[in-house]
């Protein structure tokens, strides 16, 4: 069981890792660890549930389809992404682990 978000970080930087921390009806919380990963070219997430993400370490570029520019996230930055808001990860830090806390909520 994961008891600290910064322990047991995955050693394989070639893949993005997702760890479910809590799941309840209408709510799930996960840790995401990225090492330079990004959304594939032309791909946009369009999720049926809302998502609130907090960047804990590293950095990332997050793009919401309705905004003209990407948001540059650094530790402590958070974003609420409404259900069906098209979004993508433009980049994540390739020199250190980018650790996210993602809260998915609502029916979907």
PDB file of N, CA and C in Angstrom:
ATOM      1  N   UNK A   1       0.829  -1.173   0.000  1.00  0.00           N
ATOM      2  CA  UNK A   1       0.000   0.000   0.000  1.00  0.00           C
ATOM      3  C   UNK A   1       0.882   1.248   0.000  1.00  0.00           C
ATOM      4  N   UNK A   2       0.532   2.201  -0.836  1.00  0.00           N
ATOM      5  CA  UNK A   2       1.275   3.453  -0.956  1.00  0.00           C
ATOM      6  C   UNK A   2       0.842   4.399   0.160  1.00  0.00           C
ATOM      7  N   UNK A   3       1.792   4.842   0.987  1.00  0.00           N
ATOM      8  CA  UNK A   3       1.462   5.725   2.102  1.00  0.00           C
ATOM      9  C   UNK A   3       2.103   7.104   1.991  1.00  0.00           C
ATOM     10  N   UNK A   4       2.961   7.297   1.012  1.00  0.00           N
ATOM     11  CA  UNK A   4       3.599   8.583   0.777  1.00  0.00           C
ATOM     12  C   UNK A   4       3.690   8.762  -0.728  1.00  0.00           C
ATOM     13  N   UNK A   5       3.245   9.880  -1.238  1.00  0.00           N
ATOM     14  CA  UNK A   5       3.193  10.089  -2.685  1.00  0.00           C
ATOM     15  C   UNK A   5       4.565  10.121  -3.341  1.00  0.00           C
ATOM     16  N   UNK A   6       5.627  10.318  -2.558  1.00  0.00           N
ATOM     17  CA  UNK A   6       6.957  10.422  -3.126  1.00  0.00           C
ATOM     18  C   UNK A   6       7.816   9.175  -2.900  1.00  0.00           C
ATOM     19  N   UNK A   7       7.274   8.178  -2.209  1.00  0.00           N
ATOM     20  CA  UNK A   7       8.027   6.943  -2.055  1.00  0.00           C
ATOM     21  C   UNK A   7       7.579   5.962  -3.124  1.00  0.00           C
ATOM     22  N   UNK A   8       8.409   5.006  -3.374  1.00  0.00           N
ATOM     23  CA  UNK A   8       8.123   3.963  -4.364  1.00  0.00           C
ATOM     24  C   UNK A   8       7.819   4.549  -5.741  1.00  0.00           C
ATOM     25  N   UNK A   9       8.559   5.607  -6.104  1.00  0.00           N
ATOM     26  CA  UNK A   9       8.387   6.141  -7.455  1.00  0.00           C
ATOM     27  C   UNK A   9       8.877   5.111  -8.453  1.00  0.00           C
ATOM     28  N   UNK A  10       8.155   4.923  -9.539  1.00  0.00           N
ATOM     29  CA  UNK A  10       8.551   3.914 -10.531  1.00  0.00           C
ATOM     30  C   UNK A  10       9.947   4.196 -11.075  1.00  0.00           C
ATOM     31  N   UNK A  11      10.707   3.132 -11.262  1.00  0.00           N
ATOM     32  CA  UNK A  11      12.083   3.267 -11.723  1.00  0.00           C
ATOM     33  C   UNK A  11      12.188   3.352 -13.238  1.00  0.00           C
ATOM     34  N   UNK A  12      11.169   2.916 -13.972  1.00  0.00           N
ATOM     35  CA  UNK A  12      11.213   2.881 -15.426  1.00  0.00           C
ATOM     36  C   UNK A  12      10.712   4.207 -16.005  1.00  0.00           C
ATOM     37  N   UNK A  13      11.628   5.083 -16.441  1.00  0.00           N
ATOM     38  CA  UNK A  13      11.191   6.370 -16.977  1.00  0.00           C
ATOM     39  C   UNK A  13      10.613   6.286 -18.387  1.00  0.00           C
ATOM     40  N   UNK A  14      10.665   5.123 -18.997  1.00  0.00           N
ATOM     41  CA  UNK A  14      10.165   4.980 -20.367  1.00  0.00           C
ATOM     42  C   UNK A  14       8.643   4.975 -20.429  1.00  0.00           C
ATOM     43  N   UNK A  15       8.001   4.758 -19.291  1.00  0.00           N
ATOM     44  CA  UNK A  15       6.543   4.686 -19.281  1.00  0.00           C
ATOM     45  C   UNK A  15       5.971   5.591 -18.192  1.00  0.00           C
ATOM     46  N   UNK A  16       4.796   6.116 -18.475  1.00  0.00           N
ATOM     47  CA  UNK A  16       4.053   6.863 -17.476  1.00  0.00           C
ATOM     48  C   UNK A  16       3.357   5.854 -16.566  1.00  0.00           C
ATOM     49  N   UNK A  17       3.285   6.154 -15.267  1.00  0.00           N
ATOM     50  CA  UNK A  17       2.715   5.216 -14.304  1.00  0.00           C
ATOM     51  C   UNK A  17       1.513   5.829 -13.601  1.00  0.00           C
ATOM     52  N   UNK A  18       0.477   5.001 -13.408  1.00  0.00           N
ATOM     53  CA  UNK A  18      -0.765   5.417 -12.760  1.00  0.00           C
ATOM     54  C   UNK A  18      -1.012   4.497 -11.573  1.00  0.00           C
ATOM     55  N   UNK A  19      -1.177   5.064 -10.387  1.00  0.00           N
ATOM     56  CA  UNK A  19      -1.466   4.299  -9.176  1.00  0.00           C
ATOM     57  C   UNK A  19      -2.769   4.804  -8.579  1.00  0.00           C
ATOM     58  N   UNK A  20      -3.773   3.934  -8.519  1.00  0.00           N
ATOM     59  CA  UNK A  20      -5.032   4.318  -7.886  1.00  0.00           C
ATOM     60  C   UNK A  20      -4.841   4.299  -6.380  1.00  0.00           C
ATOM     61  N   UNK A  21      -5.135   5.424  -5.746  1.00  0.00           N
ATOM     62  CA  UNK A  21      -4.964   5.557  -4.300  1.00  0.00           C
ATOM     63  C   UNK A  21      -6.267   5.352  -3.542  1.00  0.00           C
ATOM     64  N   UNK A  22      -7.378   5.739  -4.166  1.00  0.00           N
ATOM     65  CA  UNK A  22      -8.681   5.633  -3.514  1.00  0.00           C
ATOM     66  C   UNK A  22      -9.757   5.571  -4.582  1.00  0.00           C
ATOM     67  N   UNK A  23     -10.724   4.701  -4.383  1.00  0.00           N
ATOM     68  CA  UNK A  23     -11.866   4.614  -5.306  1.00  0.00           C
ATOM     69  C   UNK A  23     -13.143   4.473  -4.491  1.00  0.00           C
ATOM     70  N   UNK A  24     -14.082   5.346  -4.760  1.00  0.00           N
ATOM     71  CA  UNK A  24     -15.402   5.328  -4.137  1.00  0.00           C
ATOM     72  C   UNK A  24     -16.414   5.653  -5.225  1.00  0.00           C
ATOM     73  N   UNK A  25     -17.678   5.356  -5.006  1.00  0.00           N
ATOM     74  CA  UNK A  25     -18.672   5.714  -6.025  1.00  0.00           C
ATOM     75  C   UNK A  25     -18.603   7.218  -6.344  1.00  0.00           C
ATOM     76  N   UNK A  26     -18.399   7.536  -7.607  1.00  0.00           N
ATOM     77  CA  UNK A  26     -18.332   8.919  -8.050  1.00  0.00           C
ATOM     78  C   UNK A  26     -17.028   9.632  -7.776  1.00  0.00           C
ATOM     79  N   UNK A  27     -16.001   8.916  -7.251  1.00  0.00           N
ATOM     80  CA  UNK A  27     -14.730   9.547  -6.901  1.00  0.00           C
ATOM     81  C   UNK A  27     -13.582   8.562  -7.042  1.00  0.00           C
ATOM     82  N   UNK A  28     -12.499   8.993  -7.652  1.00  0.00           N
ATOM     83  CA  UNK A  28     -11.266   8.214  -7.630  1.00  0.00           C
ATOM     84  C   UNK A  28     -10.093   9.180  -7.563  1.00  0.00           C
ATOM     85  N   UNK A  29      -9.051   8.756  -6.863  1.00  0.00           N
ATOM     86  CA  UNK A  29      -7.843   9.560  -6.698  1.00  0.00           C
ATOM     87  C   UNK A  29      -6.675   8.700  -7.144  1.00  0.00           C
ATOM     88  N   UNK A  30      -5.810   9.297  -7.982  1.00  0.00           N
ATOM     89  CA  UNK A  30      -4.657   8.548  -8.456  1.00  0.00           C
ATOM     90  C   UNK A  30      -3.406   9.408  -8.458  1.00  0.00           C
ATOM     91  N   UNK A  31      -2.279   8.719  -8.335  1.00  0.00           N
ATOM     92  CA  UNK A  31      -0.978   9.353  -8.512  1.00  0.00           C
ATOM     93  C   UNK A  31      -0.523   9.006  -9.916  1.00  0.00           C
ATOM     94  N   UNK A  32      -0.055  10.017 -10.632  1.00  0.00           N
ATOM     95  CA  UNK A  32       0.501   9.817 -11.963  1.00  0.00           C
ATOM     96  C   UNK A  32       1.952  10.257 -11.914  1.00  0.00           C
ATOM     97  N   UNK A  33       2.844   9.423 -12.432  1.00  0.00           N
ATOM     98  CA  UNK A  33       4.264   9.769 -12.482  1.00  0.00           C
ATOM     99  C   UNK A  33       4.694   9.758 -13.945  1.00  0.00           C
ATOM    100  N   UNK A  34       5.165  10.920 -14.412  1.00  0.00           N
ATOM    101  CA  UNK A  34       5.598  11.091 -15.799  1.00  0.00           C
ATOM    102  C   UNK A  34       7.083  11.407 -15.830  1.00  0.00           C
ATOM    103  N   UNK A  35       7.741  10.984 -16.900  1.00  0.00           N
ATOM    104  CA  UNK A  35       9.174  11.276 -17.110  1.00  0.00           C
ATOM    105  C   UNK A  35       9.359  11.711 -18.563  1.00  0.00           C
ATOM    106  N   UNK A  36       8.868  12.873 -18.920  1.00  0.00           N
ATOM    107  CA  UNK A  36       9.028  13.349 -20.287  1.00  0.00           C
ATOM    108  C   UNK A  36       7.904  12.927 -21.217  1.00  0.00           C
ATOM    109  N   UNK A  37       6.877  12.244 -20.710  1.00  0.00           N
ATOM    110  CA  UNK A  37       5.776  11.825 -21.567  1.00  0.00           C
ATOM    111  C   UNK A  37       4.879  13.011 -21.917  1.00  0.00           C
ATOM    112  N   UNK A  38       4.151  12.849 -23.009  1.00  0.00           N
ATOM    113  CA  UNK A  38       3.187  13.843 -23.474  1.00  0.00           C
ATOM    114  C   UNK A  38       2.076  13.095 -24.194  1.00  0.00           C
ATOM    115  N   UNK A  39       0.971  13.786 -24.418  1.00  0.00           N
ATOM    116  CA  UNK A  39      -0.109  13.193 -25.212  1.00  0.00           C
ATOM    117  C   UNK A  39       0.390  13.008 -26.647  1.00  0.00           C
ATOM    118  N   UNK A  40      -0.046  11.962 -27.313  1.00  0.00           N
ATOM    119  CA  UNK A  40       0.370  11.771 -28.715  1.00  0.00           C
ATOM    120  C   UNK A  40      -0.061  12.958 -29.578  1.00  0.00           C
ATOM    121  N   UNK A  41       0.672  13.255 -30.639  1.00  0.00           N
ATOM    122  CA  UNK A  41       0.299  14.366 -31.515  1.00  0.00           C
ATOM    123  C   UNK A  41      -1.155  14.236 -31.994  1.00  0.00           C
ATOM    124  N   UNK A  42      -1.898  15.324 -31.878  1.00  0.00           N
ATOM    125  CA  UNK A  42      -3.281  15.342 -32.336  1.00  0.00           C
ATOM    126  C   UNK A  42      -4.289  14.696 -31.407  1.00  0.00           C
ATOM    127  N   UNK A  43      -3.826  14.071 -30.318  1.00  0.00           N
ATOM    128  CA  UNK A  43      -4.734  13.392 -29.393  1.00  0.00           C
ATOM    129  C   UNK A  43      -5.211  14.368 -28.319  1.00  0.00           C
ATOM    130  N   UNK A  44      -6.514  14.311 -28.021  1.00  0.00           N
ATOM    131  CA  UNK A  44      -7.114  15.106 -26.952  1.00  0.00           C
ATOM    132  C   UNK A  44      -7.910  14.195 -26.035  1.00  0.00           C
ATOM    133  N   UNK A  45      -7.710  14.333 -24.733  1.00  0.00           N
ATOM    134  CA  UNK A  45      -8.568  13.644 -23.772  1.00  0.00           C
ATOM    135  C   UNK A  45      -9.945  14.304 -23.796  1.00  0.00           C
ATOM    136  N   UNK A  46     -10.990  13.484 -23.684  1.00  0.00           N
ATOM    137  CA  UNK A  46     -12.366  13.964 -23.565  1.00  0.00           C
ATOM    138  C   UNK A  46     -13.042  13.006 -22.591  1.00  0.00           C
ATOM    139  N   UNK A  47     -12.896  13.298 -21.305  1.00  0.00           N
ATOM    140  CA  UNK A  47     -13.303  12.370 -20.252  1.00  0.00           C
ATOM    141  C   UNK A  47     -14.735  12.633 -19.799  1.00  0.00           C
ATOM    142  N   UNK A  48     -15.466  11.574 -19.460  1.00  0.00           N
ATOM    143  CA  UNK A  48     -16.856  11.735 -19.034  1.00  0.00           C
ATOM    144  C   UNK A  48     -17.001  12.267 -17.607  1.00  0.00           C
ATOM    145  N   UNK A  49     -15.910  12.298 -16.844  1.00  0.00           N
ATOM    146  CA  UNK A  49     -15.945  12.790 -15.467  1.00  0.00           C
ATOM    147  C   UNK A  49     -15.070  14.025 -15.343  1.00  0.00           C
ATOM    148  N   UNK A  50     -15.376  14.865 -14.350  1.00  0.00           N
ATOM    149  CA  UNK A  50     -14.515  15.995 -14.059  1.00  0.00           C
ATOM    150  C   UNK A  50     -13.202  15.510 -13.460  1.00  0.00           C
ATOM    151  N   UNK A  51     -12.183  16.345 -13.550  1.00  0.00           N
ATOM    152  CA  UNK A  51     -10.867  15.994 -13.003  1.00  0.00           C
ATOM    153  C   UNK A  51     -10.254  17.247 -12.390  1.00  0.00           C
ATOM    154  N   UNK A  52      -9.674  17.071 -11.210  1.00  0.00           N
ATOM    155  CA  UNK A  52      -8.910  18.121 -10.546  1.00  0.00           C
ATOM    156  C   UNK A  52      -7.510  17.574 -10.414  1.00  0.00           C
ATOM    157  N   UNK A  53      -6.506  18.277 -10.960  1.00  0.00           N
ATOM    158  CA  UNK A  53      -5.131  17.802 -10.898  1.00  0.00           C
ATOM    159  C   UNK A  53      -4.257  18.813 -10.169  1.00  0.00           C
ATOM    160  N   UNK A  54      -3.345  18.283  -9.376  1.00  0.00           N
ATOM    161  CA  UNK A  54      -2.375  19.068  -8.629  1.00  0.00           C
ATOM    162  C   UNK A  54      -0.996  18.558  -9.018  1.00  0.00           C
ATOM    163  N   UNK A  55      -0.119  19.460  -9.447  1.00  0.00           N
ATOM    164  CA  UNK A  55       1.244  19.069  -9.770  1.00  0.00           C
ATOM    165  C   UNK A  55       2.077  19.144  -8.492  1.00  0.00           C
ATOM    166  N   UNK A  56       2.672  18.026  -8.115  1.00  0.00           N
ATOM    167  CA  UNK A  56       3.427  17.947  -6.863  1.00  0.00           C
ATOM    168  C   UNK A  56       4.926  18.147  -7.055  1.00  0.00           C
ATOM    169  N   UNK A  57       5.464  17.663  -8.181  1.00  0.00           N
ATOM    170  CA  UNK A  57       6.888  17.845  -8.473  1.00  0.00           C
ATOM    171  C   UNK A  57       7.086  17.810  -9.976  1.00  0.00           C
ATOM    172  N   UNK A  58       8.231  18.337 -10.411  1.00  0.00           N
ATOM    173  CA  UNK A  58       8.506  18.409 -11.836  1.00  0.00           C
ATOM    174  C   UNK A  58       7.794  19.603 -12.459  1.00  0.00           C
ATOM    175  N   UNK A  59       7.500  19.495 -13.734  1.00  0.00           N
ATOM    176  CA  UNK A  59       6.774  20.551 -14.439  1.00  0.00           C
ATOM    177  C   UNK A  59       6.088  19.932 -15.651  1.00  0.00           C
ATOM    178  N   UNK A  60       5.104  20.667 -16.175  1.00  0.00           N
ATOM    179  CA  UNK A  60       4.332  20.132 -17.298  1.00  0.00           C
ATOM    180  C   UNK A  60       3.652  21.268 -18.045  1.00  0.00           C
ATOM    181  N   UNK A  61       3.322  21.003 -19.292  1.00  0.00           N
ATOM    182  CA  UNK A  61       2.514  21.913 -20.094  1.00  0.00           C
ATOM    183  C   UNK A  61       1.167  21.262 -20.335  1.00  0.00           C
ATOM    184  N   UNK A  62       0.111  21.897 -19.892  1.00  0.00           N
ATOM    185  CA  UNK A  62      -1.253  21.378 -20.039  1.00  0.00           C
ATOM    186  C   UNK A  62      -2.012  22.317 -20.962  1.00  0.00           C
ATOM    187  N   UNK A  63      -2.661  21.749 -21.948  1.00  0.00           N
ATOM    188  CA  UNK A  63      -3.423  22.554 -22.906  1.00  0.00           C
ATOM    189  C   UNK A  63      -4.892  22.181 -22.826  1.00  0.00           C
ATOM    190  N   UNK A  64      -5.750  23.168 -22.632  1.00  0.00           N
ATOM    191  CA  UNK A  64      -7.192  23.000 -22.692  1.00  0.00           C
ATOM    192  C   UNK A  64      -7.635  23.532 -24.054  1.00  0.00           C
ATOM    193  N   UNK A  65      -8.475  22.793 -24.755  1.00  0.00           N
ATOM    194  CA  UNK A  65      -8.807  23.108 -26.142  1.00  0.00           C
ATOM    195  C   UNK A  65      -9.404  24.501 -26.304  1.00  0.00           C
ATOM    196  N   UNK A  66     -10.134  24.982 -25.317  1.00  0.00           N
ATOM    197  CA  UNK A  66     -10.789  26.276 -25.447  1.00  0.00           C
ATOM    198  C   UNK A  66      -9.888  27.456 -25.071  1.00  0.00           C
ATOM    199  N   UNK A  67      -8.644  27.182 -24.687  1.00  0.00           N
ATOM    200  CA  UNK A  67      -7.715  28.251 -24.331  1.00  0.00           C
ATOM    201  C   UNK A  67      -6.661  28.412 -25.429  1.00  0.00           C
ATOM    202  N   UNK A  68      -6.209  29.641 -25.686  1.00  0.00           N
ATOM    203  CA  UNK A  68      -5.280  29.865 -26.798  1.00  0.00           C
ATOM    204  C   UNK A  68      -3.857  29.365 -26.546  1.00  0.00           C
ATOM    205  N   UNK A  69      -3.467  29.229 -25.284  1.00  0.00           N
ATOM    206  CA  UNK A  69      -2.090  28.835 -24.956  1.00  0.00           C
ATOM    207  C   UNK A  69      -2.099  27.733 -23.904  1.00  0.00           C
ATOM    208  N   UNK A  70      -0.979  27.004 -23.858  1.00  0.00           N
ATOM    209  CA  UNK A  70      -0.845  25.987 -22.809  1.00  0.00           C
ATOM    210  C   UNK A  70      -0.597  26.657 -21.466  1.00  0.00           C
ATOM    211  N   UNK A  71      -0.937  25.933 -20.424  1.00  0.00           N
ATOM    212  CA  UNK A  71      -0.622  26.363 -19.063  1.00  0.00           C
ATOM    213  C   UNK A  71       0.660  25.660 -18.649  1.00  0.00           C
ATOM    214  N   UNK A  72       1.612  26.417 -18.155  1.00  0.00           N
ATOM    215  CA  UNK A  72       2.843  25.820 -17.636  1.00  0.00           C
ATOM    216  C   UNK A  72       2.632  25.591 -16.152  1.00  0.00           C
ATOM    217  N   UNK A  73       2.672  24.323 -15.746  1.00  0.00           N
ATOM    218  CA  UNK A  73       2.431  23.956 -14.351  1.00  0.00           C
ATOM    219  C   UNK A  73       3.748  23.680 -13.647  1.00  0.00           C
ATOM    220  N   UNK A  74       3.862  24.194 -12.429  1.00  0.00           N
ATOM    221  CA  UNK A  74       4.995  23.917 -11.556  1.00  0.00           C
ATOM    222  C   UNK A  74       4.441  23.421 -10.228  1.00  0.00           C
ATOM    223  N   UNK A  75       5.274  22.902  -9.340  1.00  0.00           N
ATOM    224  CA  UNK A  75       4.765  22.347  -8.091  1.00  0.00           C
ATOM    225  C   UNK A  75       3.833  23.308  -7.347  1.00  0.00           C
ATOM    226  N   UNK A  76       2.689  22.754  -6.944  1.00  0.00           N
ATOM    227  CA  UNK A  76       1.683  23.510  -6.236  1.00  0.00           C
ATOM    228  C   UNK A  76       0.553  24.001  -7.124  1.00  0.00           C
ATOM    229  N   UNK A  77       0.764  24.017  -8.444  1.00  0.00           N
ATOM    230  CA  UNK A  77      -0.287  24.463  -9.356  1.00  0.00           C
ATOM    231  C   UNK A  77      -1.357  23.386  -9.490  1.00  0.00           C
ATOM    232  N   UNK A  78      -2.614  23.827  -9.553  1.00  0.00           N
ATOM    233  CA  UNK A  78      -3.713  22.885  -9.743  1.00  0.00           C
ATOM    234  C   UNK A  78      -4.696  23.445 -10.750  1.00  0.00           C
ATOM    235  N   UNK A  79      -5.452  22.536 -11.370  1.00  0.00           N
ATOM    236  CA  UNK A  79      -6.401  22.889 -12.421  1.00  0.00           C
ATOM    237  C   UNK A  79      -7.622  21.999 -12.282  1.00  0.00           C
ATOM    238  N   UNK A  80      -8.799  22.580 -12.423  1.00  0.00           N
ATOM    239  CA  UNK A  80     -10.014  21.777 -12.543  1.00  0.00           C
ATOM    240  C   UNK A  80     -10.354  21.669 -14.022  1.00  0.00           C
ATOM    241  N   UNK A  81     -10.553  20.440 -14.482  1.00  0.00           N
ATOM    242  CA  UNK A  81     -10.898  20.174 -15.874  1.00  0.00           C
ATOM    243  C   UNK A  81     -12.316  19.609 -15.878  1.00  0.00           C
ATOM    244  N   UNK A  82     -13.287  20.379 -16.353  1.00  0.00           N
ATOM    245  CA  UNK A  82     -14.668  19.896 -16.350  1.00  0.00           C
ATOM    246  C   UNK A  82     -14.841  18.655 -17.234  1.00  0.00           C
ATOM    247  N   UNK A  83     -15.871  17.886 -16.959  1.00  0.00           N
ATOM    248  CA  UNK A  83     -16.192  16.728 -17.802  1.00  0.00           C
ATOM    249  C   UNK A  83     -16.311  17.194 -19.254  1.00  0.00           C
ATOM    250  N   UNK A  84     -15.776  16.394 -20.149  1.00  0.00           N
ATOM    251  CA  UNK A  84     -15.809  16.622 -21.603  1.00  0.00           C
ATOM    252  C   UNK A  84     -15.066  17.866 -22.065  1.00  0.00           C
ATOM    253  N   UNK A  85     -14.232  18.441 -21.220  1.00  0.00           N
ATOM    254  CA  UNK A  85     -13.352  19.531 -21.652  1.00  0.00           C
ATOM    255  C   UNK A  85     -12.143  18.879 -22.326  1.00  0.00           C
ATOM    256  N   UNK A  86     -12.006  19.105 -23.596  1.00  0.00           N
ATOM    257  CA  UNK A  86     -10.879  18.502 -24.322  1.00  0.00           C
ATOM    258  C   UNK A  86      -9.577  19.110 -23.818  1.00  0.00           C
ATOM    259  N   UNK A  87      -8.616  18.228 -23.511  1.00  0.00           N
ATOM    260  CA  UNK A  87      -7.333  18.681 -22.992  1.00  0.00           C
ATOM    261  C   UNK A  87      -6.239  17.692 -23.358  1.00  0.00           C
ATOM    262  N   UNK A  88      -5.012  18.150 -23.259  1.00  0.00           N
ATOM    263  CA  UNK A  88      -3.860  17.295 -23.561  1.00  0.00           C
ATOM    264  C   UNK A  88      -2.649  17.752 -22.751  1.00  0.00           C
ATOM    265  N   UNK A  89      -1.715  16.838 -22.568  1.00  0.00           N
ATOM    266  CA  UNK A  89      -0.444  17.156 -21.919  1.00  0.00           C
ATOM    267  C   UNK A  89       0.559  17.405 -23.043  1.00  0.00           C
ATOM    268  N   UNK A  90       1.027  18.633 -23.149  1.00  0.00           N
ATOM    269  CA  UNK A  90       1.966  18.996 -24.213  1.00  0.00           C
ATOM    270  C   UNK A  90       3.364  18.451 -23.933  1.00  0.00           C
ATOM    271  N   UNK A  91       3.773  18.436 -22.669  1.00  0.00           N
ATOM    272  CA  UNK A  91       5.092  17.953 -22.279  1.00  0.00           C
ATOM    273  C   UNK A  91       5.140  17.767 -20.765  1.00  0.00           C
ATOM    274  N   UNK A  92       6.068  16.944 -20.326  1.00  0.00           N
ATOM    275  CA  UNK A  92       6.401  16.846 -18.901  1.00  0.00           C
ATOM    276  C   UNK A  92       7.920  16.871 -18.788  1.00  0.00           C
ATOM    277  N   UNK A  93       8.399  17.238 -17.628  1.00  0.00           N
ATOM    278  CA  UNK A  93       9.830  17.362 -17.367  1.00  0.00           C
ATOM    279  C   UNK A  93      10.537  16.041 -17.690  1.00  0.00           C
ATOM    280  N   UNK A  94      11.592  16.113 -18.470  1.00  0.00           N
ATOM    281  CA  UNK A  94      12.331  14.895 -18.804  1.00  0.00           C
ATOM    282  C   UNK A  94      13.559  14.704 -17.923  1.00  0.00           C
ATOM    283  N   UNK A  95      13.839  15.663 -17.030  1.00  0.00           N
ATOM    284  CA  UNK A  95      15.032  15.560 -16.188  1.00  0.00           C
ATOM    285  C   UNK A  95      14.727  15.073 -14.777  1.00  0.00           C
ATOM    286  N   UNK A  96      13.441  15.021 -14.431  1.00  0.00           N
ATOM    287  CA  UNK A  96      13.046  14.546 -13.101  1.00  0.00           C
ATOM    288  C   UNK A  96      11.611  14.032 -13.180  1.00  0.00           C
ATOM    289  N   UNK A  97      11.205  13.321 -12.162  1.00  0.00           N
ATOM    290  CA  UNK A  97       9.834  12.806 -12.131  1.00  0.00           C
ATOM    291  C   UNK A  97       8.850  13.964 -11.990  1.00  0.00           C
ATOM    292  N   UNK A  98       7.827  13.939 -12.820  1.00  0.00           N
ATOM    293  CA  UNK A  98       6.697  14.848 -12.668  1.00  0.00           C
ATOM    294  C   UNK A  98       5.604  14.043 -11.981  1.00  0.00           C
ATOM    295  N   UNK A  99       5.254  14.430 -10.770  1.00  0.00           N
ATOM    296  CA  UNK A  99       4.274  13.691  -9.978  1.00  0.00           C
ATOM    297  C   UNK A  99       3.000  14.526  -9.894  1.00  0.00           C
ATOM    298  N   UNK A 100       1.894  13.904 -10.297  1.00  0.00           N
ATOM    299  CA  UNK A 100       0.575  14.531 -10.285  1.00  0.00           C
ATOM    300  C   UNK A 100      -0.310  13.824  -9.267  1.00  0.00           C
ATOM    301  N   UNK A 101      -1.229  14.550  -8.687  1.00  0.00           N
ATOM    302  CA  UNK A 101      -2.325  13.967  -7.916  1.00  0.00           C
ATOM    303  C   UNK A 101      -3.586  14.313  -8.703  1.00  0.00           C
ATOM    304  N   UNK A 102      -4.301  13.303  -9.150  1.00  0.00           N
ATOM    305  CA  UNK A 102      -5.502  13.503  -9.977  1.00  0.00           C
ATOM    306  C   UNK A 102      -6.718  12.995  -9.243  1.00  0.00           C
ATOM    307  N   UNK A 103      -7.723  13.855  -9.133  1.00  0.00           N
ATOM    308  CA  UNK A 103      -8.995  13.496  -8.497  1.00  0.00           C
ATOM    309  C   UNK A 103     -10.054  13.511  -9.587  1.00  0.00           C
ATOM    310  N   UNK A 104     -10.661  12.353  -9.840  1.00  0.00           N
ATOM    311  CA  UNK A 104     -11.719  12.222 -10.833  1.00  0.00           C
ATOM    312  C   UNK A 104     -13.036  12.159 -10.071  1.00  0.00           C
ATOM    313  N   UNK A 105     -14.029  12.941 -10.524  1.00  0.00           N
ATOM    314  CA  UNK A 105     -15.280  13.011  -9.773  1.00  0.00           C
ATOM    315  C   UNK A 105     -16.474  13.094 -10.700  1.00  0.00           C
ATOM    316  N   UNK A 106     -17.609  12.726 -10.167  1.00  0.00           N
ATOM    317  CA  UNK A 106     -18.868  12.787 -10.912  1.00  0.00           C
ATOM    318  C   UNK A 106     -19.208  11.455 -11.554  1.00  0.00           C
ATOM    319  N   UNK A 107     -20.405  11.375 -12.046  1.00  0.00           N
ATOM    320  CA  UNK A 107     -20.835  10.168 -12.739  1.00  0.00           C
ATOM    321  C   UNK A 107     -20.353  10.241 -14.169  1.00  0.00           C
ATOM    322  N   UNK A 108     -19.976   9.111 -14.690  1.00  0.00           N
ATOM    323  CA  UNK A 108     -19.494   9.155 -16.062  1.00  0.00           C
ATOM    324  C   UNK A 108     -19.301   7.875 -16.646  1.00  0.00           C
TER     325      UNK A 108
END
